Amino acid sequence: MKISNDYRAKVRLWARQPRVVALPPSPPLPKFPAQRFRTHQEMNHWKEALVREIARNAPPKCAATAESRDLAADSTV
């Protein structure tokens, strides 16, 4: 049986060759007070503005990935 078909063989292979990937440092989150929203739509608009602000303040490498995700999200609308 091939390794690609055998679940236990996959786990043994992964356990023998662990790959640890360090996460890049994330941008600092802006300070914001506790808020109440009347509707989910209002909350979603606020969250979207917050995510855009975080993406704008992100380091260049993170900003590029956030921008590409943002463009992908806009293309589905």
Protein backbone atom coordinates (compact mmCIF):
# COMPACT_ATOMS: atom_id res chain seq x y z
CA MET A 1 0.00 0.00 0.00
CA LYS A 2 1.24 3.48 -0.84
CA ILE A 3 2.00 5.97 1.93
CA SER A 4 -0.51 8.38 0.42
CA ASN A 5 -3.30 5.83 1.05
CA ASP A 6 -2.23 4.69 4.53
CA TYR A 7 -3.21 7.08 7.31
CA ARG A 8 -0.91 5.52 9.91
CA ALA A 9 2.05 5.66 7.51
CA LYS A 10 1.39 9.35 6.94
CA VAL A 11 1.38 10.03 10.66
CA ARG A 12 4.62 8.06 11.13
CA LEU A 13 6.24 9.97 8.27
CA TRP A 14 5.15 13.33 9.70
CA ALA A 15 6.30 12.32 13.19
CA ARG A 16 9.76 11.36 11.89
CA GLN A 17 10.17 14.59 9.92
CA PRO A 18 8.51 17.37 11.92
CA ARG A 19 8.59 20.79 10.31
CA VAL A 20 8.18 23.76 12.61
CA VAL A 21 7.37 27.02 10.87
CA ALA A 22 7.70 30.26 12.80
CA LEU A 23 4.82 32.67 12.40
CA PRO A 24 5.69 36.19 11.25
CA PRO A 25 5.18 38.92 13.84
CA SER A 26 1.70 40.35 13.65
CA PRO A 27 1.01 44.06 13.54
CA PRO A 28 -0.09 45.62 16.83
CA LEU A 29 -3.84 45.86 17.28
CA PRO A 30 -5.27 49.36 17.66
CA LYS A 31 -6.90 50.28 20.96
CA PHE A 32 -10.67 50.44 20.82
CA PRO A 33 -13.30 50.79 23.54
CA ALA A 34 -16.11 48.32 24.26
CA GLN A 35 -18.94 48.98 21.84
CA ARG A 36 -22.56 48.00 21.33
CA PHE A 37 -24.16 47.57 17.95
CA ARG A 38 -27.82 47.62 17.01
CA THR A 39 -27.45 45.19 14.12
CA HIS A 40 -25.02 42.60 12.83
CA GLN A 41 -24.59 44.71 9.69
CA GLU A 42 -23.43 47.67 11.77
CA MET A 43 -20.95 45.43 13.63
CA ASN A 44 -19.67 43.96 10.36
CA HIS A 45 -19.04 47.45 8.93
CA TRP A 46 -17.09 48.36 12.06
CA LYS A 47 -15.05 45.13 11.89
CA GLU A 48 -14.32 45.69 8.21
CA ALA A 49 -13.02 49.21 8.92
CA LEU A 50 -10.89 47.85 11.78
CA VAL A 51 -9.39 45.11 9.58
CA ARG A 52 -8.60 47.67 6.88
CA GLU A 53 -6.84 49.87 9.46
CA ILE A 54 -4.81 46.89 10.72
CA ALA A 55 -3.86 45.98 7.14
CA ARG A 56 -2.80 49.59 6.45
CA ASN A 57 -0.53 49.61 9.52
CA ALA A 58 0.93 46.15 8.87
CA PRO A 59 4.59 45.62 7.93
CA PRO A 60 5.18 45.50 4.15
CA LYS A 61 5.29 41.69 3.91
CA CYS A 62 2.05 41.27 5.88
CA ALA A 63 0.42 44.19 4.08
CA ALA A 64 0.93 42.54 0.71
CA THR A 65 -0.83 39.36 1.81
CA ALA A 66 -3.62 41.33 3.50
CA GLU A 67 -4.06 43.39 0.34
CA SER A 68 -4.30 40.30 -1.86
CA ARG A 69 -6.86 38.76 0.54
CA ASP A 70 -8.80 42.02 0.49
CA LEU A 71 -8.82 42.05 -3.32
CA ALA A 72 -10.00 38.46 -3.36
CA ALA A 73 -12.80 39.33 -0.96
CA ASP A 74 -13.83 42.34 -3.07
CA SER A 75 -13.96 40.28 -6.25
CA THR A 76 -16.68 38.01 -4.82
CA VAL A 77 -19.05 40.90 -4.11
